[in-house]
Amino acid sequence: MGFPETFKALSDPVRREILTMLRSGRLSAGDIASKFDMTGATVSYHLKQLKKADLIYETKEKNFIYYSLNTSVFEEIMLWVSQFTPGNTEKGESENEESQEE
């Protein structure tokens, strides 16, 4: 998935709270739902949006579905955001500058 889906998923405070919960390890849908005062269908919707954005993945074991963070997407986001920090330039930009000087 692309950044638009990722940032849309991150824009909701409930989904951000779910991601925070998953930092300590995988959780079942029931464990996640027990932390919120909302219907199971609503929690399921939020989990679906997080999966759609590839921020989490699910693992099925017997009668349970466990959710875990997809850290590779977070790494990709951090790399993208880091280009905006002072003193950090993208490789492509510095190559373009060198070719223009010649």
Protein backbone atom coordinates (compact mmCIF):
# COMPACT_ATOMS: atom_id res chain seq x y z
CA MET A 1 0.00 0.00 0.00
CA GLY A 2 1.02 3.59 -0.47
CA PHE A 3 1.44 6.50 1.85
CA PRO A 4 -2.13 7.84 1.39
CA GLU A 5 -3.63 4.67 2.88
CA THR A 6 -1.02 4.61 5.62
CA PHE A 7 -1.57 8.20 6.69
CA LYS A 8 -5.34 7.80 6.49
CA ALA A 9 -5.13 4.79 8.82
CA LEU A 10 -2.86 6.70 11.20
CA SER A 11 -5.20 9.68 11.31
CA ASP A 12 -7.68 7.92 13.61
CA PRO A 13 -6.89 7.97 17.37
CA VAL A 14 -8.43 4.51 17.96
CA ARG A 15 -6.19 2.98 15.31
CA ARG A 16 -3.15 4.73 16.77
CA GLU A 17 -4.07 3.30 20.19
CA ILE A 18 -4.33 -0.19 18.68
CA LEU A 19 -0.86 0.23 17.18
CA THR A 20 0.47 1.36 20.56
CA MET A 21 -1.04 -1.73 22.18
CA LEU A 22 0.65 -3.96 19.62
CA ARG A 23 4.10 -2.54 20.38
CA SER A 24 4.43 -4.98 23.27
CA GLY A 25 3.56 -7.98 21.11
CA ARG A 26 0.78 -9.69 19.26
CA LEU A 27 -2.77 -9.60 20.55
CA SER A 28 -6.01 -11.37 19.68
CA ALA A 29 -8.97 -9.40 18.40
CA GLY A 30 -10.70 -10.10 21.73
CA ASP A 31 -7.77 -8.69 23.70
CA ILE A 32 -7.83 -5.55 21.58
CA ALA A 33 -11.61 -5.17 21.79
CA SER A 34 -11.59 -5.53 25.59
CA LYS A 35 -9.64 -2.26 25.88
CA PHE A 36 -12.29 -0.20 24.09
CA ASP A 37 -15.87 0.74 24.83
CA MET A 38 -17.18 -0.03 21.34
CA THR A 39 -18.80 -2.88 19.48
CA GLY A 40 -16.81 -5.76 18.12
CA ALA A 41 -17.83 -4.72 14.62
CA THR A 42 -16.30 -1.28 15.15
CA VAL A 43 -13.02 -2.77 16.41
CA SER A 44 -13.07 -5.14 13.44
CA TYR A 45 -13.47 -2.15 11.11
CA HIS A 46 -10.43 -0.44 12.63
CA LEU A 47 -8.37 -3.62 12.35
CA LYS A 48 -9.43 -3.94 8.71
CA GLN A 49 -8.26 -0.39 8.00
CA LEU A 50 -4.90 -1.07 9.64
CA LYS A 51 -4.50 -4.27 7.62
CA LYS A 52 -5.46 -2.44 4.42
CA ALA A 53 -2.66 0.04 5.11
CA ASP A 54 -0.26 -2.88 5.82
CA LEU A 55 0.44 -1.50 9.29
CA ILE A 56 -0.55 -4.80 10.90
CA TYR A 57 -0.85 -8.40 9.83
CA GLU A 58 -2.83 -11.30 11.18
CA THR A 59 -1.85 -14.82 12.07
CA LYS A 60 -4.48 -17.52 12.50
CA GLU A 61 -3.91 -20.16 15.15
CA LYS A 62 -6.68 -22.65 15.79
CA ASN A 63 -9.77 -20.58 16.66
CA PHE A 64 -7.92 -17.32 17.23
CA ILE A 65 -6.62 -14.52 15.05
CA TYR A 66 -3.63 -12.63 16.38
CA TYR A 67 -2.56 -9.20 15.19
CA SER A 68 1.03 -7.92 15.06
CA LEU A 69 2.79 -4.80 13.85
CA ASN A 70 4.27 -4.77 10.38
CA THR A 71 7.47 -2.95 11.29
CA SER A 72 8.72 -2.75 7.71
CA VAL A 73 6.01 -0.19 6.90
CA PHE A 74 7.03 1.91 9.89
CA GLU A 75 10.66 1.75 8.72
CA GLU A 76 9.59 2.95 5.27
CA ILE A 77 7.66 5.85 6.82
CA MET A 78 10.65 6.81 8.97
CA LEU A 79 12.95 6.82 5.93
CA TRP A 80 10.54 9.04 4.05
CA VAL A 81 10.11 11.44 6.99
CA SER A 82 13.87 11.60 7.61
CA GLN A 83 14.41 13.35 4.28
CA PHE A 84 12.85 16.46 5.82
CA THR A 85 15.30 16.72 8.70
CA PRO A 86 17.98 19.43 8.46
CA GLY A 87 21.17 18.33 6.75
CA ASN A 88 19.60 15.23 5.24
CA THR A 89 19.44 15.17 1.45
CA GLU A 90 18.30 12.43 -0.82
CA LYS A 91 20.90 10.70 -2.96
CA GLY A 92 19.12 11.69 -6.15
CA GLU A 93 19.28 15.39 -5.33
CA SER A 94 23.03 15.41 -4.69
CA GLU A 95 23.66 13.49 -7.91
CA ASN A 96 21.61 16.04 -9.86
CA GLU A 97 23.57 18.92 -8.36
CA GLU A 98 26.90 17.32 -9.31
CA SER A 99 25.80 16.71 -12.90
CA GLN A 100 24.66 20.35 -13.24
CA GLU A 101 28.06 21.62 -12.09
CA GLU A 102 29.90 19.79 -14.90
